[in-house]
Amino acid sequence: GGLATARSGLPGDAGSLEGVEPGGAEAVDGVMATLATLEGEDLARYETFRRSQLSKSQMKRLISAVTAGAPVTEDVMVVVGGVAKVLVGELVTEARGIAGGDAPLTPQQIRDVYQRLLRRGAVVTSPTHTRPRPLMR
């Protein structure tokens, strides 16, 4: 599978947001206040998202392909994994907004949202490819 649930040791694990800079203390306070209101299914969903990460072997293979075989450090894997997680969050959030309701999202809905983000320029693609590779087949 592509996603594994594990503790990553990154800021935000174990309920802590230390080390999170954007917006400073006010942003952390706002996030903590929002988290305090989560209950039941929403809290479980947040916990699952927080602990999810892409498979290290898949990340290493992807990074090696993009960097022409340059050594892949743990720091590089953490950064790329974080960016990928943000992209997945954006895809799901946008797809939820379009689909409405609580029904599970379909792969086609995710592909459609990815295409929208590409058209908006919200997803960066490799300049060596005239056409971006499909996100999912």
Protein backbone atom coordinates (compact mmCIF):
# COMPACT_ATOMS: atom_id res chain seq x y z
CA GLY A 1 0.00 0.00 0.00
CA GLY A 2 1.01 3.61 -0.46
CA LEU A 3 0.14 4.96 2.97
CA ALA A 4 1.49 3.62 6.22
CA THR A 5 0.38 4.71 9.65
CA ALA A 6 3.34 5.39 11.92
CA ARG A 7 4.78 8.03 14.21
CA SER A 8 7.22 10.15 12.27
CA GLY A 9 8.75 12.24 15.05
CA LEU A 10 7.77 15.43 13.21
CA PRO A 11 6.24 18.50 14.85
CA GLY A 12 2.59 17.79 15.46
CA ASP A 13 3.09 14.23 16.68
CA ALA A 14 1.96 13.32 20.18
CA GLY A 15 -0.44 16.27 20.11
CA SER A 16 2.39 18.82 20.05
CA LEU A 17 2.67 21.65 17.56
CA GLU A 18 6.06 22.88 18.74
CA GLY A 19 8.34 23.86 15.92
CA VAL A 20 5.45 24.96 13.70
CA GLU A 21 6.27 28.47 12.52
CA PRO A 22 3.66 29.76 10.01
CA GLY A 23 1.59 32.39 11.77
CA GLY A 24 3.48 32.07 15.05
CA ALA A 25 1.87 31.57 18.45
CA GLU A 26 -1.54 32.80 17.29
CA ALA A 27 -1.69 30.09 14.64
CA VAL A 28 -0.76 27.41 17.17
CA ASP A 29 -3.40 28.72 19.59
CA GLY A 30 -6.02 28.65 16.82
CA VAL A 31 -5.11 25.11 15.81
CA MET A 32 -5.16 23.92 19.43
CA ALA A 33 -8.58 25.55 19.96
CA THR A 34 -9.93 23.84 16.85
CA LEU A 35 -8.49 20.48 17.89
CA ALA A 36 -10.11 20.83 21.32
CA THR A 37 -13.53 20.92 19.63
CA LEU A 38 -13.02 17.67 17.69
CA GLU A 39 -14.95 14.66 18.94
CA GLY A 40 -15.57 11.07 17.92
CA GLU A 41 -15.19 10.38 14.23
CA ASP A 42 -13.61 13.77 13.45
CA LEU A 43 -10.94 13.28 16.13
CA ALA A 44 -10.21 9.74 14.90
CA ARG A 45 -9.93 11.04 11.32
CA TYR A 46 -7.50 13.78 12.42
CA GLU A 47 -5.37 11.29 14.39
CA THR A 48 -5.19 8.98 11.38
CA PHE A 49 -4.18 11.87 9.10
CA ARG A 50 -1.56 13.08 11.56
CA ARG A 51 0.12 9.68 11.77
CA SER A 52 -0.12 8.83 8.07
CA GLN A 53 2.93 8.95 5.87
CA LEU A 54 3.95 7.68 2.48
CA SER A 55 5.91 4.44 2.31
CA LYS A 56 9.63 5.17 2.75
CA SER A 57 10.61 2.77 -0.03
CA GLN A 58 8.20 4.44 -2.47
CA MET A 59 9.42 7.91 -1.46
CA LYS A 60 13.06 6.88 -1.91
CA ARG A 61 12.32 5.40 -5.35
CA LEU A 62 10.45 8.57 -6.44
CA ILE A 63 13.16 10.92 -5.19
CA SER A 64 15.91 8.83 -6.82
CA ALA A 65 14.06 8.94 -10.14
CA VAL A 66 13.68 12.72 -9.98
CA THR A 67 17.25 13.42 -8.82
CA ALA A 68 18.93 11.06 -11.32
CA GLY A 69 20.10 8.70 -8.60
CA ALA A 70 21.60 11.27 -6.21
CA PRO A 71 21.83 10.05 -2.60
CA VAL A 72 18.53 10.37 -0.74
CA THR A 73 18.93 11.54 2.85
CA GLU A 74 16.39 11.13 5.62
CA ASP A 75 15.91 14.93 5.68
CA VAL A 76 15.04 14.98 1.98
CA MET A 77 12.56 12.14 2.49
CA VAL A 78 10.91 14.02 5.38
CA VAL A 79 10.54 17.20 3.32
CA VAL A 80 9.20 15.47 0.21
CA GLY A 81 6.89 13.32 2.35
CA GLY A 82 5.53 16.46 4.03
CA VAL A 83 4.91 18.16 0.71
CA ALA A 84 3.18 15.03 -0.61
CA LYS A 85 1.00 14.90 2.49
CA VAL A 86 -0.01 18.54 1.99
CA LEU A 87 -0.88 17.79 -1.66
CA VAL A 88 -3.05 14.85 -0.63
CA GLY A 89 -4.76 17.06 1.96
CA GLU A 90 -5.45 19.72 -0.69
CA LEU A 91 -6.82 17.12 -3.10
CA VAL A 92 -9.15 15.62 -0.50
CA THR A 93 -10.30 19.00 0.85
CA GLU A 94 -11.08 20.31 -2.63
CA ALA A 95 -12.80 17.07 -3.67
CA ARG A 96 -14.90 17.11 -0.46
CA GLY A 97 -15.96 20.68 -1.19
CA ILE A 98 -17.07 19.76 -4.70
CA ALA A 99 -18.68 16.41 -3.86
CA GLY A 100 -20.44 17.55 -0.70
CA GLY A 101 -21.89 15.07 1.75
CA ASP A 102 -20.05 12.32 3.56
CA ALA A 103 -19.91 9.68 0.82
CA PRO A 104 -16.44 8.25 0.14
CA LEU A 105 -14.53 10.01 -2.62
CA THR A 106 -13.94 8.09 -5.82
CA PRO A 107 -10.59 7.89 -7.63
CA GLN A 108 -12.21 9.79 -10.52
CA GLN A 109 -13.16 12.68 -8.20
CA ILE A 110 -9.56 12.87 -6.98
CA ARG A 111 -8.25 12.81 -10.59
CA ASP A 112 -10.69 15.59 -11.55
CA VAL A 113 -9.52 17.76 -8.65
CA TYR A 114 -5.88 17.10 -9.55
CA GLN A 115 -6.60 18.31 -13.10
CA ARG A 116 -8.27 21.45 -11.69
CA LEU A 117 -5.22 22.16 -9.54
CA LEU A 118 -2.96 21.68 -12.58
CA ARG A 119 -5.03 24.14 -14.64
CA ARG A 120 -4.90 26.68 -11.79
CA GLY A 121 -1.14 26.30 -11.54
CA ALA A 122 -1.44 25.06 -7.95
CA VAL A 123 0.57 21.91 -8.77
CA VAL A 124 4.12 22.26 -10.05
CA THR A 125 5.20 19.82 -12.75
CA SER A 126 8.60 19.01 -14.16
CA PRO A 127 9.69 21.45 -16.90
CA THR A 128 11.15 18.49 -18.84
CA HIS A 129 7.71 17.00 -19.42
CA THR A 130 5.34 18.71 -21.82
CA ARG A 131 2.45 16.76 -20.36
CA PRO A 132 2.31 15.85 -16.66
CA ARG A 133 2.30 12.16 -15.84
CA PRO A 134 -1.02 10.89 -14.52
CA LEU A 135 -1.37 10.97 -10.74
CA MET A 136 -3.34 7.73 -10.77
CA ARG A 137 -4.04 5.25 -13.51
